[in-house]
Amino acid sequence: QVQLVESGGGLVQAGGSLRLSCAASGRTFSSGGMAWFRQAPGKERDFVAAVSWSDGSTYYADSMKGRFTISRDKAKKTVYLQMNSLKPEDTAVYYCAAGFRMLATRQGLYDYWGQGTQVTVSS
């Protein structure tokens, strides 16, 4: 089993920045990857970004490119999501996920999920 715990969410004004963290514990794996998804009220959960655990390669949803940066620290078993130039439409619960596929964008390809962290961007 892998346990994922997100942190770093909060309230920020439009144009501001936040950095989310996702700490993994329990069983660890040298391959596969981790990702961030988000779910706004009344909407489906959407893919945000993914990172390969082995080489740190990344993949982003088109709408996140240039504003969001995903990274991982293997020693700390932690994945980060740096979010800049935040907009009110970025308001959502952000979820961390881990799985054995690299750079997957579909929720069903991830085996482990965190509890989510709320990000609220005020206008």
PDB file of N, CA and C in Angstrom:
ATOM      1  N   GLN A   1       0.831  -1.202   0.000  1.00  0.00           N
ATOM      2  CA  GLN A   1       0.000   0.000   0.000  1.00  0.00           C
ATOM      3  C   GLN A   1       0.864   1.250   0.000  1.00  0.00           C
ATOM      4  N   VAL A   2       0.347   2.263  -0.641  1.00  0.00           N
ATOM      5  CA  VAL A   2       0.998   3.567  -0.674  1.00  0.00           C
ATOM      6  C   VAL A   2       0.037   4.580  -0.079  1.00  0.00           C
ATOM      7  N   GLN A   3       0.522   5.377   0.822  1.00  0.00           N
ATOM      8  CA  GLN A   3      -0.287   6.446   1.387  1.00  0.00           C
ATOM      9  C   GLN A   3       0.222   7.782   0.849  1.00  0.00           C
ATOM     10  N   LEU A   4      -0.708   8.624   0.451  1.00  0.00           N
ATOM     11  CA  LEU A   4      -0.384   9.932  -0.099  1.00  0.00           C
ATOM     12  C   LEU A   4      -1.066  11.008   0.737  1.00  0.00           C
ATOM     13  N   VAL A   5      -0.305  12.010   1.119  1.00  0.00           N
ATOM     14  CA  VAL A   5      -0.853  13.101   1.916  1.00  0.00           C
ATOM     15  C   VAL A   5      -0.501  14.421   1.247  1.00  0.00           C
ATOM     16  N   GLU A   6      -1.537  15.160   0.835  1.00  0.00           N
ATOM     17  CA  GLU A   6      -1.337  16.457   0.204  1.00  0.00           C
ATOM     18  C   GLU A   6      -1.321  17.567   1.254  1.00  0.00           C
ATOM     19  N   SER A   7      -0.631  18.625   0.917  1.00  0.00           N
ATOM     20  CA  SER A   7      -0.632  19.823   1.765  1.00  0.00           C
ATOM     21  C   SER A   7      -0.318  21.024   0.890  1.00  0.00           C
ATOM     22  N   GLY A   8      -0.529  22.210   1.458  1.00  0.00           N
ATOM     23  CA  GLY A   8      -0.165  23.433   0.754  1.00  0.00           C
ATOM     24  C   GLY A   8      -1.318  24.199   0.155  1.00  0.00           C
ATOM     25  N   GLY A   9      -2.520  23.648   0.221  1.00  0.00           N
ATOM     26  CA  GLY A   9      -3.657  24.375  -0.319  1.00  0.00           C
ATOM     27  C   GLY A   9      -4.014  25.559   0.569  1.00  0.00           C
ATOM     28  N   GLY A  10      -4.923  26.384   0.066  1.00  0.00           N
ATOM     29  CA  GLY A  10      -5.349  27.536   0.840  1.00  0.00           C
ATOM     30  C   GLY A  10      -6.051  28.554  -0.016  1.00  0.00           C
ATOM     31  N   LEU A  11      -6.190  29.743   0.537  1.00  0.00           N
ATOM     32  CA  LEU A  11      -6.851  30.852  -0.142  1.00  0.00           C
ATOM     33  C   LEU A  11      -5.792  31.815  -0.655  1.00  0.00           C
ATOM     34  N   VAL A  12      -5.909  32.186  -1.918  1.00  0.00           N
ATOM     35  CA  VAL A  12      -4.944  33.098  -2.523  1.00  0.00           C
ATOM     36  C   VAL A  12      -5.681  34.025  -3.480  1.00  0.00           C
ATOM     37  N   GLN A  13      -5.162  35.215  -3.650  1.00  0.00           N
ATOM     38  CA  GLN A  13      -5.772  36.145  -4.590  1.00  0.00           C
ATOM     39  C   GLN A  13      -5.352  35.810  -6.018  1.00  0.00           C
ATOM     40  N   ALA A  14      -6.175  36.201  -6.949  1.00  0.00           N
ATOM     41  CA  ALA A  14      -5.846  36.003  -8.361  1.00  0.00           C
ATOM     42  C   ALA A  14      -4.493  36.626  -8.674  1.00  0.00           C
ATOM     43  N   GLY A  15      -3.698  35.897  -9.442  1.00  0.00           N
ATOM     44  CA  GLY A  15      -2.350  36.340  -9.760  1.00  0.00           C
ATOM     45  C   GLY A  15      -1.293  35.822  -8.800  1.00  0.00           C
ATOM     46  N   GLY A  16      -1.732  35.259  -7.699  1.00  0.00           N
ATOM     47  CA  GLY A  16      -0.808  34.746  -6.699  1.00  0.00           C
ATOM     48  C   GLY A  16      -0.308  33.349  -7.018  1.00  0.00           C
ATOM     49  N   SER A  17       0.457  32.804  -6.083  1.00  0.00           N
ATOM     50  CA  SER A  17       1.074  31.488  -6.265  1.00  0.00           C
ATOM     51  C   SER A  17       0.850  30.613  -5.040  1.00  0.00           C
ATOM     52  N   LEU A  18       0.862  29.322  -5.275  1.00  0.00           N
ATOM     53  CA  LEU A  18       0.824  28.319  -4.210  1.00  0.00           C
ATOM     54  C   LEU A  18       1.689  27.154  -4.647  1.00  0.00           C
ATOM     55  N   ARG A  19       2.239  26.452  -3.664  1.00  0.00           N
ATOM     56  CA  ARG A  19       2.948  25.215  -3.954  1.00  0.00           C
ATOM     57  C   ARG A  19       2.315  24.092  -3.150  1.00  0.00           C
ATOM     58  N   LEU A  20       1.814  23.116  -3.870  1.00  0.00           N
ATOM     59  CA  LEU A  20       1.241  21.936  -3.237  1.00  0.00           C
ATOM     60  C   LEU A  20       2.315  20.862  -3.102  1.00  0.00           C
ATOM     61  N   SER A  21       2.200  20.098  -2.030  1.00  0.00           N
ATOM     62  CA  SER A  21       3.105  18.980  -1.805  1.00  0.00           C
ATOM     63  C   SER A  21       2.307  17.706  -1.622  1.00  0.00           C
ATOM     64  N   CYS A  22       2.888  16.601  -2.038  1.00  0.00           N
ATOM     65  CA  CYS A  22       2.266  15.291  -1.848  1.00  0.00           C
ATOM     66  C   CYS A  22       3.357  14.344  -1.365  1.00  0.00           C
ATOM     67  N   ALA A  23       3.248  13.945  -0.106  1.00  0.00           N
ATOM     68  CA  ALA A  23       4.235  13.056   0.492  1.00  0.00           C
ATOM     69  C   ALA A  23       3.738  11.617   0.421  1.00  0.00           C
ATOM     70  N   ALA A  24       4.585  10.737  -0.078  1.00  0.00           N
ATOM     71  CA  ALA A  24       4.241   9.326  -0.198  1.00  0.00           C
ATOM     72  C   ALA A  24       4.907   8.525   0.916  1.00  0.00           C
ATOM     73  N   SER A  25       4.189   7.554   1.424  1.00  0.00           N
ATOM     74  CA  SER A  25       4.749   6.653   2.438  1.00  0.00           C
ATOM     75  C   SER A  25       4.213   5.257   2.184  1.00  0.00           C
ATOM     76  N   GLY A  26       4.794   4.282   2.905  1.00  0.00           N
ATOM     77  CA  GLY A  26       4.400   2.903   2.698  1.00  0.00           C
ATOM     78  C   GLY A  26       5.216   2.296   1.584  1.00  0.00           C
ATOM     79  N   ARG A  27       4.592   1.459   0.799  1.00  0.00           N
ATOM     80  CA  ARG A  27       5.276   0.837  -0.317  1.00  0.00           C
ATOM     81  C   ARG A  27       5.722   1.892  -1.312  1.00  0.00           C
ATOM     82  N   THR A  28       6.931   1.828  -1.756  1.00  0.00           N
ATOM     83  CA  THR A  28       7.407   2.762  -2.763  1.00  0.00           C
ATOM     84  C   THR A  28       7.793   1.991  -4.011  1.00  0.00           C
ATOM     85  N   PHE A  29       7.890   2.681  -5.119  1.00  0.00           N
ATOM     86  CA  PHE A  29       8.211   2.032  -6.365  1.00  0.00           C
ATOM     87  C   PHE A  29       9.197   2.885  -7.142  1.00  0.00           C
ATOM     88  N   SER A  30      10.052   2.225  -7.869  1.00  0.00           N
ATOM     89  CA  SER A  30      11.085   2.938  -8.620  1.00  0.00           C
ATOM     90  C   SER A  30      10.631   3.318 -10.015  1.00  0.00           C
ATOM     91  N   SER A  31       9.558   2.727 -10.464  1.00  0.00           N
ATOM     92  CA  SER A  31       9.037   3.063 -11.781  1.00  0.00           C
ATOM     93  C   SER A  31       7.666   3.702 -11.622  1.00  0.00           C
ATOM     94  N   GLY A  32       6.997   3.940 -12.718  1.00  0.00           N
ATOM     95  CA  GLY A  32       5.688   4.553 -12.652  1.00  0.00           C
ATOM     96  C   GLY A  32       5.773   6.052 -12.440  1.00  0.00           C
ATOM     97  N   GLY A  33       4.716   6.612 -11.950  1.00  0.00           N
ATOM     98  CA  GLY A  33       4.711   8.047 -11.786  1.00  0.00           C
ATOM     99  C   GLY A  33       3.630   8.544 -10.868  1.00  0.00           C
ATOM    100  N   MET A  34       3.625   9.840 -10.703  1.00  0.00           N
ATOM    101  CA  MET A  34       2.622  10.492  -9.878  1.00  0.00           C
ATOM    102  C   MET A  34       2.025  11.652 -10.651  1.00  0.00           C
ATOM    103  N   ALA A  35       0.872  12.081 -10.201  1.00  0.00           N
ATOM    104  CA  ALA A  35       0.162  13.123 -10.938  1.00  0.00           C
ATOM    105  C   ALA A  35      -0.697  13.943 -10.003  1.00  0.00           C
ATOM    106  N   TRP A  36      -1.121  15.083 -10.532  1.00  0.00           N
ATOM    107  CA  TRP A  36      -2.097  15.916  -9.854  1.00  0.00           C
ATOM    108  C   TRP A  36      -3.347  15.991 -10.722  1.00  0.00           C
ATOM    109  N   PHE A  37      -4.478  15.861 -10.073  1.00  0.00           N
ATOM    110  CA  PHE A  37      -5.781  16.080 -10.686  1.00  0.00           C
ATOM    111  C   PHE A  37      -6.489  17.152  -9.865  1.00  0.00           C
ATOM    112  N   ARG A  38      -7.527  17.705 -10.435  1.00  0.00           N
ATOM    113  CA  ARG A  38      -8.318  18.662  -9.667  1.00  0.00           C
ATOM    114  C   ARG A  38      -9.784  18.518 -10.006  1.00  0.00           C
ATOM    115  N   GLN A  39     -10.614  18.878  -9.026  1.00  0.00           N
ATOM    116  CA  GLN A  39     -12.062  18.781  -9.201  1.00  0.00           C
ATOM    117  C   GLN A  39     -12.707  20.033  -8.645  1.00  0.00           C
ATOM    118  N   ALA A  40     -13.306  20.788  -9.545  1.00  0.00           N
ATOM    119  CA  ALA A  40     -14.047  21.985  -9.158  1.00  0.00           C
ATOM    120  C   ALA A  40     -15.464  21.597  -8.774  1.00  0.00           C
ATOM    121  N   PRO A  41     -16.154  22.422  -8.000  1.00  0.00           N
ATOM    122  CA  PRO A  41     -17.524  22.099  -7.580  1.00  0.00           C
ATOM    123  C   PRO A  41     -18.423  21.835  -8.775  1.00  0.00           C
ATOM    124  N   GLY A  42     -19.118  20.720  -8.724  1.00  0.00           N
ATOM    125  CA  GLY A  42     -20.060  20.379  -9.777  1.00  0.00           C
ATOM    126  C   GLY A  42     -19.439  19.906 -11.067  1.00  0.00           C
ATOM    127  N   LYS A  43     -18.127  19.690 -11.073  1.00  0.00           N
ATOM    128  CA  LYS A  43     -17.454  19.269 -12.296  1.00  0.00           C
ATOM    129  C   LYS A  43     -16.719  17.950 -12.083  1.00  0.00           C
ATOM    130  N   GLU A  44     -16.294  17.366 -13.189  1.00  0.00           N
ATOM    131  CA  GLU A  44     -15.545  16.128 -13.104  1.00  0.00           C
ATOM    132  C   GLU A  44     -14.096  16.401 -12.682  1.00  0.00           C
ATOM    133  N   ARG A  45     -13.460  15.352 -12.221  1.00  0.00           N
ATOM    134  CA  ARG A  45     -12.056  15.463 -11.854  1.00  0.00           C
ATOM    135  C   ARG A  45     -11.205  15.479 -13.131  1.00  0.00           C
ATOM    136  N   ASP A  46     -10.347  16.468 -13.247  1.00  0.00           N
ATOM    137  CA  ASP A  46      -9.539  16.648 -14.459  1.00  0.00           C
ATOM    138  C   ASP A  46      -8.061  16.465 -14.182  1.00  0.00           C
ATOM    139  N   PHE A  47      -7.370  15.989 -15.190  1.00  0.00           N
ATOM    140  CA  PHE A  47      -5.924  15.839 -15.124  1.00  0.00           C
ATOM    141  C   PHE A  47      -5.250  17.207 -15.152  1.00  0.00           C
ATOM    142  N   VAL A  48      -4.211  17.364 -14.331  1.00  0.00           N
ATOM    143  CA  VAL A  48      -3.453  18.616 -14.297  1.00  0.00           C
ATOM    144  C   VAL A  48      -2.039  18.400 -14.841  1.00  0.00           C
ATOM    145  N   ALA A  49      -1.308  17.495 -14.217  1.00  0.00           N
ATOM    146  CA  ALA A  49       0.083  17.267 -14.614  1.00  0.00           C
ATOM    147  C   ALA A  49       0.557  15.938 -14.055  1.00  0.00           C
ATOM    148  N   ALA A  50       1.572  15.361 -14.700  1.00  0.00           N
ATOM    149  CA  ALA A  50       2.145  14.101 -14.254  1.00  0.00           C
ATOM    150  C   ALA A  50       3.661  14.155 -14.334  1.00  0.00           C
ATOM    151  N   VAL A  51       4.304  13.358 -13.491  1.00  0.00           N
ATOM    152  CA  VAL A  51       5.757  13.281 -13.490  1.00  0.00           C
ATOM    153  C   VAL A  51       6.170  11.819 -13.383  1.00  0.00           C
ATOM    154  N   SER A  52       7.205  11.480 -14.157  1.00  0.00           N
ATOM    155  CA  SER A  52       7.759  10.135 -14.087  1.00  0.00           C
ATOM    156  C   SER A  52       8.643  10.017 -12.861  1.00  0.00           C
ATOM    157  N   TRP A  53       8.444   8.945 -12.115  1.00  0.00           N
ATOM    158  CA  TRP A  53       9.234   8.809 -10.894  1.00  0.00           C
ATOM    159  C   TRP A  53      10.712   8.574 -11.197  1.00  0.00           C
ATOM    160  N   SER A  54      11.019   7.857 -12.259  1.00  0.00           N
ATOM    161  CA  SER A  54      12.399   7.458 -12.514  1.00  0.00           C
ATOM    162  C   SER A  54      13.259   8.602 -13.046  1.00  0.00           C
ATOM    163  N   ASP A  55      12.800   9.294 -14.079  1.00  0.00           N
ATOM    164  CA  ASP A  55      13.662  10.303 -14.691  1.00  0.00           C
ATOM    165  C   ASP A  55      13.136  11.729 -14.572  1.00  0.00           C
ATOM    166  N   GLY A  56      11.980  11.902 -13.942  1.00  0.00           N
ATOM    167  CA  GLY A  56      11.460  13.244 -13.724  1.00  0.00           C
ATOM    168  C   GLY A  56      10.830  13.896 -14.934  1.00  0.00           C
ATOM    169  N   SER A  57      10.629  13.145 -16.007  1.00  0.00           N
ATOM    170  CA  SER A  57       9.956  13.734 -17.159  1.00  0.00           C
ATOM    171  C   SER A  57       8.529  14.089 -16.787  1.00  0.00           C
ATOM    172  N   THR A  58       7.995  15.079 -17.482  1.00  0.00           N
ATOM    173  CA  THR A  58       6.698  15.632 -17.095  1.00  0.00           C
ATOM    174  C   THR A  58       5.744  15.733 -18.272  1.00  0.00           C
ATOM    175  N   TYR A  59       4.470  15.849 -17.937  1.00  0.00           N
ATOM    176  CA  TYR A  59       3.438  16.053 -18.954  1.00  0.00           C
ATOM    177  C   TYR A  59       2.340  16.890 -18.325  1.00  0.00           C
ATOM    178  N   TYR A  60       1.817  17.838 -19.094  1.00  0.00           N
ATOM    179  CA  TYR A  60       0.815  18.766 -18.570  1.00  0.00           C
ATOM    180  C   TYR A  60      -0.436  18.787 -19.418  1.00  0.00           C
ATOM    181  N   ALA A  61      -1.543  19.060 -18.775  1.00  0.00           N
ATOM    182  CA  ALA A  61      -2.739  19.412 -19.523  1.00  0.00           C
ATOM    183  C   ALA A  61      -2.464  20.743 -20.212  1.00  0.00           C
ATOM    184  N   ASP A  62      -2.998  20.910 -21.402  1.00  0.00           N
ATOM    185  CA  ASP A  62      -2.691  22.103 -22.196  1.00  0.00           C
ATOM    186  C   ASP A  62      -2.960  23.400 -21.441  1.00  0.00           C
ATOM    187  N   SER A  63      -4.033  23.441 -20.705  1.00  0.00           N
ATOM    188  CA  SER A  63      -4.416  24.683 -20.035  1.00  0.00           C
ATOM    189  C   SER A  63      -3.507  25.032 -18.864  1.00  0.00           C
ATOM    190  N   MET A  64      -2.675  24.082 -18.438  1.00  0.00           N
ATOM    191  CA  MET A  64      -1.784  24.316 -17.295  1.00  0.00           C
ATOM    192  C   MET A  64      -0.372  24.695 -17.726  1.00  0.00           C
ATOM    193  N   LYS A  65      -0.054  24.457 -18.989  1.00  0.00           N
ATOM    194  CA  LYS A  65       1.315  24.718 -19.441  1.00  0.00           C
ATOM    195  C   LYS A  65       1.679  26.174 -19.262  1.00  0.00           C
ATOM    196  N   GLY A  66       2.876  26.395 -18.743  1.00  0.00           N
ATOM    197  CA  GLY A  66       3.371  27.747 -18.542  1.00  0.00           C
ATOM    198  C   GLY A  66       3.037  28.342 -17.192  1.00  0.00           C
ATOM    199  N   ARG A  67       2.019  27.845 -16.518  1.00  0.00           N
ATOM    200  CA  ARG A  67       1.656  28.380 -15.205  1.00  0.00           C
ATOM    201  C   ARG A  67       1.958  27.400 -14.086  1.00  0.00           C
ATOM    202  N   PHE A  68       1.804  26.113 -14.359  1.00  0.00           N
ATOM    203  CA  PHE A  68       2.005  25.091 -13.340  1.00  0.00           C
ATOM    204  C   PHE A  68       3.279  24.301 -13.644  1.00  0.00           C
ATOM    205  N   THR A  69       3.973  23.905 -12.581  1.00  0.00           N
ATOM    206  CA  THR A  69       5.166  23.087 -12.728  1.00  0.00           C
ATOM    207  C   THR A  69       5.115  21.935 -11.732  1.00  0.00           C
ATOM    208  N   ILE A  70       5.224  20.721 -12.247  1.00  0.00           N
ATOM    209  CA  ILE A  70       5.253  19.548 -11.395  1.00  0.00           C
ATOM    210  C   ILE A  70       6.703  19.081 -11.275  1.00  0.00           C
ATOM    211  N   SER A  71       7.053  18.611 -10.085  1.00  0.00           N
ATOM    212  CA  SER A  71       8.403  18.102  -9.861  1.00  0.00           C
ATOM    213  C   SER A  71       8.345  17.050  -8.764  1.00  0.00           C
ATOM    214  N   ARG A  72       9.434  16.306  -8.658  1.00  0.00           N
ATOM    215  CA  ARG A  72       9.473  15.297  -7.595  1.00  0.00           C
ATOM    216  C   ARG A  72      10.839  15.264  -6.953  1.00  0.00           C
ATOM    217  N   ASP A  73      10.850  14.908  -5.669  1.00  0.00           N
ATOM    218  CA  ASP A  73      12.065  14.733  -4.904  1.00  0.00           C
ATOM    219  C   ASP A  73      12.086  13.280  -4.460  1.00  0.00           C
ATOM    220  N   LYS A  74      12.927  12.488  -5.124  1.00  0.00           N
ATOM    221  CA  LYS A  74      12.926  11.060  -4.847  1.00  0.00           C
ATOM    222  C   LYS A  74      13.350  10.769  -3.418  1.00  0.00           C
ATOM    223  N   ALA A  75      14.322  11.502  -2.925  1.00  0.00           N
ATOM    224  CA  ALA A  75      14.818  11.250  -1.570  1.00  0.00           C
ATOM    225  C   ALA A  75      13.738  11.486  -0.532  1.00  0.00           C
ATOM    226  N   LYS A  76      12.914  12.497  -0.770  1.00  0.00           N
ATOM    227  CA  LYS A  76      11.844  12.824   0.176  1.00  0.00           C
ATOM    228  C   LYS A  76      10.548  12.121  -0.171  1.00  0.00           C
ATOM    229  N   LYS A  77      10.521  11.409  -1.303  1.00  0.00           N
ATOM    230  CA  LYS A  77       9.310  10.732  -1.765  1.00  0.00           C
ATOM    231  C   LYS A  77       8.150  11.713  -1.811  1.00  0.00           C
ATOM    232  N   THR A  78       8.413  12.852  -2.396  1.00  0.00           N
ATOM    233  CA  THR A  78       7.432  13.936  -2.415  1.00  0.00           C
ATOM    234  C   THR A  78       7.324  14.503  -3.825  1.00  0.00           C
ATOM    235  N   VAL A  79       6.111  14.809  -4.214  1.00  0.00           N
ATOM    236  CA  VAL A  79       5.836  15.461  -5.481  1.00  0.00           C
ATOM    237  C   VAL A  79       5.265  16.839  -5.196  1.00  0.00           C
ATOM    238  N   TYR A  80       5.644  17.793  -6.017  1.00  0.00           N
ATOM    239  CA  TYR A  80       5.205  19.170  -5.823  1.00  0.00           C
ATOM    240  C   TYR A  80       4.440  19.660  -7.041  1.00  0.00           C
ATOM    241  N   LEU A  81       3.577  20.613  -6.798  1.00  0.00           N
ATOM    242  CA  LEU A  81       2.919  21.325  -7.894  1.00  0.00           C
ATOM    243  C   LEU A  81       3.030  22.812  -7.590  1.00  0.00           C
ATOM    244  N   GLN A  82       3.888  23.483  -8.318  1.00  0.00           N
ATOM    245  CA  GLN A  82       4.024  24.928  -8.198  1.00  0.00           C
ATOM    246  C   GLN A  82       3.016  25.576  -9.122  1.00  0.00           C
ATOM    247  N   MET A  83       2.159  26.393  -8.565  1.00  0.00           N
ATOM    248  CA  MET A  83       1.093  27.029  -9.331  1.00  0.00           C
ATOM    249  C   MET A  83       1.288  28.543  -9.277  1.00  0.00           C
ATOM    250  N   ASN A  84       1.480  29.145 -10.434  1.00  0.00           N
ATOM    251  CA  ASN A  84       1.686  30.586 -10.542  1.00  0.00           C
ATOM    252  C   ASN A  84       0.563  31.224 -11.343  1.00  0.00           C
ATOM    253  N   SER A  85       0.452  32.529 -11.215  1.00  0.00           N
ATOM    254  CA  SER A  85      -0.563  33.288 -11.962  1.00  0.00           C
ATOM    255  C   SER A  85      -1.935  32.652 -11.813  1.00  0.00           C
ATOM    256  N   LEU A  86      -2.287  32.360 -10.599  1.00  0.00           N
ATOM    257  CA  LEU A  86      -3.542  31.652 -10.349  1.00  0.00           C
ATOM    258  C   LEU A  86      -4.752  32.491 -10.736  1.00  0.00           C
ATOM    259  N   LYS A  87      -5.775  31.789 -11.197  1.00  0.00           N
ATOM    260  CA  LYS A  87      -7.015  32.416 -11.638  1.00  0.00           C
ATOM    261  C   LYS A  87      -8.174  31.860 -10.816  1.00  0.00           C
ATOM    262  N   PRO A  88      -9.262  32.599 -10.718  1.00  0.00           N
ATOM    263  CA  PRO A  88     -10.419  32.069  -9.982  1.00  0.00           C
ATOM    264  C   PRO A  88     -10.875  30.699 -10.500  1.00  0.00           C
ATOM    265  N   GLU A  89     -10.722  30.461 -11.789  1.00  0.00           N
ATOM    266  CA  GLU A  89     -11.146  29.167 -12.331  1.00  0.00           C
ATOM    267  C   GLU A  89     -10.215  28.023 -11.937  1.00  0.00           C
ATOM    268  N   ASP A  90      -9.113  28.323 -11.276  1.00  0.00           N
ATOM    269  CA  ASP A  90      -8.254  27.265 -10.737  1.00  0.00           C
ATOM    270  C   ASP A  90      -8.772  26.752  -9.393  1.00  0.00           C
ATOM    271  N   THR A  91      -9.806  27.390  -8.876  1.00  0.00           N
ATOM    272  CA  THR A  91     -10.386  26.951  -7.616  1.00  0.00           C
ATOM    273  C   THR A  91     -10.907  25.529  -7.740  1.00  0.00           C
ATOM    274  N   ALA A  92     -10.438  24.660  -6.855  1.00  0.00           N
ATOM    275  CA  ALA A  92     -10.793  23.242  -6.920  1.00  0.00           C
ATOM    276  C   ALA A  92     -10.155  22.520  -5.742  1.00  0.00           C
ATOM    277  N   VAL A  93     -10.565  21.276  -5.571  1.00  0.00           N
ATOM    278  CA  VAL A  93      -9.825  20.369  -4.698  1.00  0.00           C
ATOM    279  C   VAL A  93      -8.782  19.681  -5.560  1.00  0.00           C
ATOM    280  N   TYR A  94      -7.547  19.740  -5.113  1.00  0.00           N
ATOM    281  CA  TYR A  94      -6.445  19.149  -5.862  1.00  0.00           C
ATOM    282  C   TYR A  94      -6.054  17.821  -5.220  1.00  0.00           C
ATOM    283  N   TYR A  95      -5.982  16.793  -6.056  1.00  0.00           N
ATOM    284  CA  TYR A  95      -5.681  15.450  -5.604  1.00  0.00           C
ATOM    285  C   TYR A  95      -4.357  14.972  -6.173  1.00  0.00           C
ATOM    286  N   CYS A  96      -3.601  14.286  -5.345  1.00  0.00           N
ATOM    287  CA  CYS A  96      -2.374  13.632  -5.752  1.00  0.00           C
ATOM    288  C   CYS A  96      -2.689  12.159  -6.014  1.00  0.00           C
ATOM    289  N   ALA A  97      -2.041  11.592  -7.026  1.00  0.00           N
ATOM    290  CA  ALA A  97      -2.264  10.194  -7.365  1.00  0.00           C
ATOM    291  C   ALA A  97      -0.934   9.530  -7.718  1.00  0.00           C
ATOM    292  N   ALA A  98      -0.853   8.235  -7.483  1.00  0.00           N
ATOM    293  CA  ALA A  98       0.347   7.467  -7.809  1.00  0.00           C
ATOM    294  C   ALA A  98      -0.040   6.175  -8.511  1.00  0.00           C
ATOM    295  N   GLY A  99       0.780   5.764  -9.449  1.00  0.00           N
ATOM    296  CA  GLY A  99       0.491   4.544 -10.170  1.00  0.00           C
ATOM    297  C   GLY A  99       1.713   3.988 -10.846  1.00  0.00           C
ATOM    298  N   PHE A 100       1.519   2.883 -11.538  1.00  0.00           N
ATOM    299  CA  PHE A 100       2.636   2.182 -12.152  1.00  0.00           C
ATOM    300  C   PHE A 100       2.830   2.519 -13.625  1.00  0.00           C
ATOM    301  N   ARG A 101       1.962   3.376 -14.173  1.00  0.00           N
ATOM    302  CA  ARG A 101       2.136   3.850 -15.533  1.00  0.00           C
ATOM    303  C   ARG A 101       2.811   5.219 -15.488  1.00  0.00           C
ATOM    304  N   MET A 102       3.679   5.467 -16.431  1.00  0.00           N
ATOM    305  CA  MET A 102       4.334   6.765 -16.473  1.00  0.00           C
ATOM    306  C   MET A 102       3.522   7.762 -17.291  1.00  0.00           C
ATOM    307  N   LEU A 103       3.370   8.952 -16.728  1.00  0.00           N
ATOM    308  CA  LEU A 103       2.764  10.080 -17.426  1.00  0.00           C
ATOM    309  C   LEU A 103       1.346   9.786 -17.917  1.00  0.00           C
ATOM    310  N   ALA A 104       0.624   9.008 -17.147  1.00  0.00           N
ATOM    311  CA  ALA A 104      -0.756   8.719 -17.509  1.00  0.00           C
ATOM    312  C   ALA A 104      -1.640   9.922 -17.214  1.00  0.00           C
ATOM    313  N   THR A 105      -2.672  10.100 -18.020  1.00  0.00           N
ATOM    314  CA  THR A 105      -3.603  11.213 -17.822  1.00  0.00           C
ATOM    315  C   THR A 105      -4.982  10.756 -17.373  1.00  0.00           C
ATOM    316  N   ARG A 106      -5.250   9.477 -17.416  1.00  0.00           N
ATOM    317  CA  ARG A 106      -6.560   8.959 -17.031  1.00  0.00           C
ATOM    318  C   ARG A 106      -6.578   8.547 -15.570  1.00  0.00           C
ATOM    319  N   GLN A 107      -7.615   8.909 -14.865  1.00  0.00           N
ATOM    320  CA  GLN A 107      -7.723   8.600 -13.438  1.00  0.00           C
ATOM    321  C   GLN A 107      -7.617   7.106 -13.163  1.00  0.00           C
ATOM    322  N   GLY A 108      -8.229   6.313 -14.028  1.00  0.00           N
ATOM    323  CA  GLY A 108      -8.281   4.877 -13.805  1.00  0.00           C
ATOM    324  C   GLY A 108      -6.936   4.182 -13.840  1.00  0.00           C
ATOM    325  N   LEU A 109      -5.911   4.892 -14.318  1.00  0.00           N
ATOM    326  CA  LEU A 109      -4.583   4.292 -14.397  1.00  0.00           C
ATOM    327  C   LEU A 109      -3.762   4.550 -13.143  1.00  0.00           C
ATOM    328  N   TYR A 110      -4.353   5.227 -12.184  1.00  0.00           N
ATOM    329  CA  TYR A 110      -3.672   5.477 -10.914  1.00  0.00           C
ATOM    330  C   TYR A 110      -4.293   4.613  -9.823  1.00  0.00           C
ATOM    331  N   ASP A 111      -3.404   4.039  -9.013  1.00  0.00           N
ATOM    332  CA  ASP A 111      -3.848   3.076  -8.015  1.00  0.00           C
ATOM    333  C   ASP A 111      -4.051   3.680  -6.635  1.00  0.00           C
ATOM    334  N   TYR A 112      -3.383   4.769  -6.369  1.00  0.00           N
ATOM    335  CA  TYR A 112      -3.421   5.352  -5.031  1.00  0.00           C
ATOM    336  C   TYR A 112      -3.735   6.838  -5.131  1.00  0.00           C
ATOM    337  N   TRP A 113      -4.535   7.298  -4.171  1.00  0.00           N
ATOM    338  CA  TRP A 113      -4.992   8.685  -4.170  1.00  0.00           C
ATOM    339  C   TRP A 113      -4.863   9.289  -2.786  1.00  0.00           C
ATOM    340  N   GLY A 114      -4.563  10.587  -2.764  1.00  0.00           N
ATOM    341  CA  GLY A 114      -4.603  11.324  -1.523  1.00  0.00           C
ATOM    342  C   GLY A 114      -6.007  11.802  -1.219  1.00  0.00           C
ATOM    343  N   GLN A 115      -6.155  12.489  -0.092  1.00  0.00           N
ATOM    344  CA  GLN A 115      -7.481  12.927   0.336  1.00  0.00           C
ATOM    345  C   GLN A 115      -7.887  14.261  -0.294  1.00  0.00           C
ATOM    346  N   GLY A 116      -6.941  14.936  -0.891  1.00  0.00           N
ATOM    347  CA  GLY A 116      -7.231  16.209  -1.554  1.00  0.00           C
ATOM    348  C   GLY A 116      -6.921  17.404  -0.679  1.00  0.00           C
ATOM    349  N   THR A 117      -6.601  18.511  -1.328  1.00  0.00           N
ATOM    350  CA  THR A 117      -6.360  19.762  -0.630  1.00  0.00           C
ATOM    351  C   THR A 117      -7.072  20.873  -1.394  1.00  0.00           C
ATOM    352  N   GLN A 118      -7.769  21.736  -0.658  1.00  0.00           N
ATOM    353  CA  GLN A 118      -8.575  22.777  -1.281  1.00  0.00           C
ATOM    354  C   GLN A 118      -7.708  23.963  -1.675  1.00  0.00           C
ATOM    355  N   VAL A 119      -7.901  24.415  -2.908  1.00  0.00           N
ATOM    356  CA  VAL A 119      -7.284  25.647  -3.390  1.00  0.00           C
ATOM    357  C   VAL A 119      -8.407  26.585  -3.793  1.00  0.00           C
ATOM    358  N   THR A 120      -8.416  27.764  -3.213  1.00  0.00           N
ATOM    359  CA  THR A 120      -9.429  28.759  -3.532  1.00  0.00           C
ATOM    360  C   THR A 120      -8.740  30.033  -3.987  1.00  0.00           C
ATOM    361  N   VAL A 121      -9.104  30.496  -5.174  1.00  0.00           N
ATOM    362  CA  VAL A 121      -8.510  31.698  -5.742  1.00  0.00           C
ATOM    363  C   VAL A 121      -9.592  32.767  -5.817  1.00  0.00           C
ATOM    364  N   SER A 122      -9.372  33.842  -5.113  1.00  0.00           N
ATOM    365  CA  SER A 122     -10.356  34.926  -5.088  1.00  0.00           C
ATOM    366  C   SER A 122     -10.028  35.956  -6.157  1.00  0.00           C
ATOM    367  N   SER A 123     -11.075  36.575  -6.667  1.00  0.00           N
ATOM    368  CA  SER A 123     -10.897  37.579  -7.741  1.00  0.00           C
ATOM    369  C   SER A 123     -10.686  38.970  -7.178  1.00  0.00           C
TER     370      SER A 123
END
